[in-house]
Protein backbone atom coordinates (compact mmCIF):
# COMPACT_ATOMS: atom_id res chain seq x y z
CA MET A 1 -0.05 -0.02 -0.20
CA LYS A 2 1.43 3.60 -1.02
CA LEU A 3 1.15 6.11 1.82
CA LYS A 4 0.72 8.17 -1.17
CA SER A 5 -2.68 7.66 -1.24
CA PHE A 6 -3.58 9.15 2.05
CA ILE A 7 -2.39 12.44 1.39
CA ILE A 8 -5.73 13.94 -0.10
CA PRO A 9 -7.55 12.60 2.78
CA ILE A 10 -5.44 13.75 5.43
CA ILE A 11 -4.97 17.43 3.56
CA ILE A 12 -9.09 17.55 3.81
CA PHE A 13 -9.36 16.11 7.23
CA LEU A 14 -6.90 19.17 8.48
CA ILE A 15 -9.12 21.40 6.93
CA GLY A 16 -11.97 19.82 8.66
CA THR A 17 -9.95 20.09 11.81
CA SER A 18 -9.12 23.76 11.31
CA PHE A 19 -12.77 25.06 10.71
CA ASN A 20 -13.73 23.02 14.28
CA ILE A 21 -11.08 24.98 15.63
CA PHE A 22 -12.29 28.15 14.30
CA GLY A 23 -15.89 27.47 15.15
CA GLY A 24 -15.23 26.52 18.48
CA LEU A 25 -13.04 29.92 19.18
CA PHE A 26 -15.90 31.83 17.59
CA LYS A 27 -18.08 30.34 19.63
CA ILE A 28 -16.03 30.74 22.88
CA LEU A 29 -15.73 34.37 22.11
CA HIS A 30 -19.28 34.85 21.10
CA TRP A 31 -18.49 36.05 17.39
CA GLY A 32 -20.07 36.24 14.19
CA LEU A 33 -19.43 37.08 11.02
CA GLY A 34 -22.50 37.28 9.13
CA PRO A 35 -23.09 34.00 7.86
CA LEU A 36 -19.90 32.61 9.29
CA ASN A 37 -21.83 31.68 12.87
CA PRO A 38 -19.95 29.23 14.89
CA GLY A 39 -22.66 26.68 14.28
CA PHE A 40 -22.09 27.02 10.51
CA LEU A 41 -18.08 26.51 11.08
CA LEU A 42 -18.94 23.57 13.49
CA ALA A 43 -21.01 21.83 11.01
CA ILE A 44 -19.05 22.23 7.70
CA GLY A 45 -15.62 20.96 9.74
CA SER A 46 -17.47 17.79 11.05
CA ILE A 47 -18.76 17.12 7.46
CA VAL A 48 -15.66 17.89 6.02
CA GLU A 49 -14.19 15.19 8.89
CA VAL A 50 -16.47 12.71 7.99
CA THR A 51 -15.75 12.94 4.15
CA ALA A 52 -12.16 12.67 4.81
CA ILE A 53 -12.64 9.41 7.14
CA ALA A 54 -15.14 7.93 4.54
CA MET A 55 -12.36 8.41 1.77
CA VAL A 56 -9.78 6.43 4.28
CA ILE A 57 -11.95 4.01 4.40
CA VAL A 58 -12.74 3.42 0.92
CA ILE A 59 -8.90 3.38 0.55
CA LEU A 60 -8.20 0.77 2.86
CA LEU A 61 -11.20 -1.42 1.70
CA ARG A 62 -10.19 -0.99 -2.00
CA HIS A 63 -6.29 -2.49 -0.72
CA TYR A 64 -7.83 -5.10 1.20
CA PHE A 65 -10.11 -6.57 -1.68
CA LYS A 66 -7.36 -6.09 -4.25
CA LYS A 67 -6.59 -9.15 -6.34
CA ASP A 68 -2.97 -9.82 -6.67
CA ASP A 69 -2.69 -11.27 -10.10
């Protein structure tokens, strides 16, 4: 298995984590920038993280079920 195949999901997961960090910061400081309220940032961050985890699961399943000819 090539570790190179995990680079995109890791980057996507880090983007989601940064959304969650900023969402938490906005929530603690009671900030809101128009449509960028804390709940929206936390929701987007969680959705992006779940997407990255799903991508890693698909990559691992493809590797597990790959036929070695």
